[in-house]
Amino acid sequence: MTIRKNRNQIMNRIINFQEHQSRKITDITELNGIDSIATSLKLKGLPDDFMGAPKYLGLFADSETIVSSFYIGATWLKENELATVVNPKINVDYLKMFSDALEVDSEKENNYFSKCYGIEFDKSEIELHSEFNIITPLILIHYISVLKNLTKHELKKGYIYYEENLKSKVKGHLLFQKHLRKNIIRKCENRAYCGFQEYTEDIAENRLLKKALIFASRAIDNYKSLTRQKTFDELKIAINQLFSAFTNVSNEIETHEIKSLRFNKLFANYPEAIKLAKMILRKYDYSLQKTEQAETKTLPFWIDMPRLYEMYVYKWLKENTDDEVLFQVEGYRGTAADFVLAKQGIVLDAKYKPHYKDSKRGIIDDIREMSGYARDEKILRHFENPKTAIVPCVILYPESFEEMKEFGADEGFETKTINQIHSGDESFDKSKGLLAQCQSIKAYRDFYKRKVNVPIIKE
C-alpha cells in the first residue's frame, strides 16, 4: 500500500498540457507552489536559436496563464518534485512518421533530422503513463533506419589481432612461450600457437552495432501497441535483414573498447549509428532482461513536431513528384525555404497548422515569409530555368487532426471525427502534377495550399 501511495503522489506532481494549450494557473493550484514556480522559472517560450533545444518544452508563462507550444515531451520544472508533460493533439503513429522521415540518405537531411528530438541523459527519470513513453521506440526506430542506410554499402573493415592454437599450419608468427607451454610440453606436435592479423568486418565498431541491434530487436516488441500492424511488420523485416548484414560479426564487446572507438570520415553513417547504439545500451544498462520490462519511467525528452512534419512531407514530396526536391534551400540573411522543385520552379513550405483546411486566419505572416523566398536570388539560382514571372508558392499543411483549435487563436475550431487510418495520400495523382492538385489561395496570386495526410492510429 505504501508503494502505491508514493507512486500516486509522483503521478499527481505532473502538469499535463496538449500542444498549443493555454491553462490558467488558478486551474492547477492543486499543485502547491505552481504559481511561484512558474514565476521563478521564467518560462520564456520558444528558444531563440531555431535549431536549439527548448527549455521547459517551450512553455510560456505570464501572471495568469501557462501556454504550451509545438514541442511535445516530458521535462522537470523542479527536478524530482514537479514535472510537466505536453501531449500531442492527435493519436499520431510516431513510428510510421519517423520511419518515413528517416528514409533519407544524405548527411544534410540526417543532420537536420537529428535535431527533431532530444534526450536529457543527465536528469532524473520521470514516472508517467506508459502509453506516452514514446522516446524509447523513437530511438529504436532511428537506430534501425541509420543501420539500413549504413548497410547499403559494405561494412567497415579493419585489422584484428588474433591468437590461436592452429592445427597442422603456421599463420602469422609463432608465439614461442605459449607454444612451448601448450604444445611442446604436452607433446602436441601437430599444433602451433600463433599470433596473426586478419582484415575483417568483425571489428569493435560493428560488434557494438550488432549488440545494440539485439537489444533493439528485443525491445521493439514492447511497443507493438503504439503503431499499426503493417508498420510493426516492416520494422521486424528490416531488423531481420540487418542481422543478415552482420552475420560475420560477433556481438561481444568490452566497455573499454566502446570508449576507445574512433571514427573515419570515409564512413559517414558510423558516428550517428554508434551514438544511437550507445544510447540504447545505456538505456537498458547492458541488460537484455530490462528490454522485456514495461517502462513506466522516461528520461526528460522533447520532440519538435513541425520539424518532424517537415521531414515527413519531404518523403511525401519525393514519392509524389518526378521533379528534383531540394531540401532546406538557403537564402540570404540566414533564411531557408523548406523545399524547392527545381524543374518546375516552385517554392514550398511545410506548415504544421491544420487550420489552413477551412480558414485563412493567420495566413498573412506565412504569405509574407514565402514571398520573400520567391524573390530571394540565392534561392532562385536553384531553378533549372530562370524565372521572370511570379514564382508559384505552395503551403503544405497537415490533415487528420482531431479536435484541433487554430494555433495561437482563442476561437474554437471545428471538431472532426477520424473514421479511418491514413496510410498515405491516395487522392494524389502523380501524373497530374502538384499545382493542378492544390487549392488556390484566391486573395494572393500564384499562392496555393495542399493537405498532406498524417498517419494516425485508430483507437
Foldseek 3Di string as FASTA:
>chain_A
DVVVVVVVQLALQEAEAEAFDKDWPVVSCVQPPPQVLLVVLQQCFADPDPLDDHDLQRWHDDNTIITHHQKFFKDASPAPGHIYGYHYLAQFLVLLLLLLLLPDQDPVSVVLVVSQKDFDPVGDKGFADLLPQCPVVSLLSNLLSLLVNLLVDAADKDKDKDKDWDFQDAEADFPVVVCCVPDVVVVNVRITTYIYIDTDNQDQLLLLLVLLLVLSQLQVVLCCVSHDPVSSVVSNVSSVVSCVSCVVYHNDDDPVSLVPDDDDVVRVSSVVSSVSSVVSCVVQVVDSVSSNDRDRIDTTMMGRVQSSVLSSVVSQVVVQEPFDWDAQQDFPPGHTFGIARQALQETEHEDAWVVVVPDCPPVVVVVVSVQCLQPGPSNQVSHPDRDPDGGAYEYEYEPDRAQDATNPDPDGDDGDDDDDFDPWDPVRDSVVPDVVQWADPVVDPNYTYDYTYGGRDDD
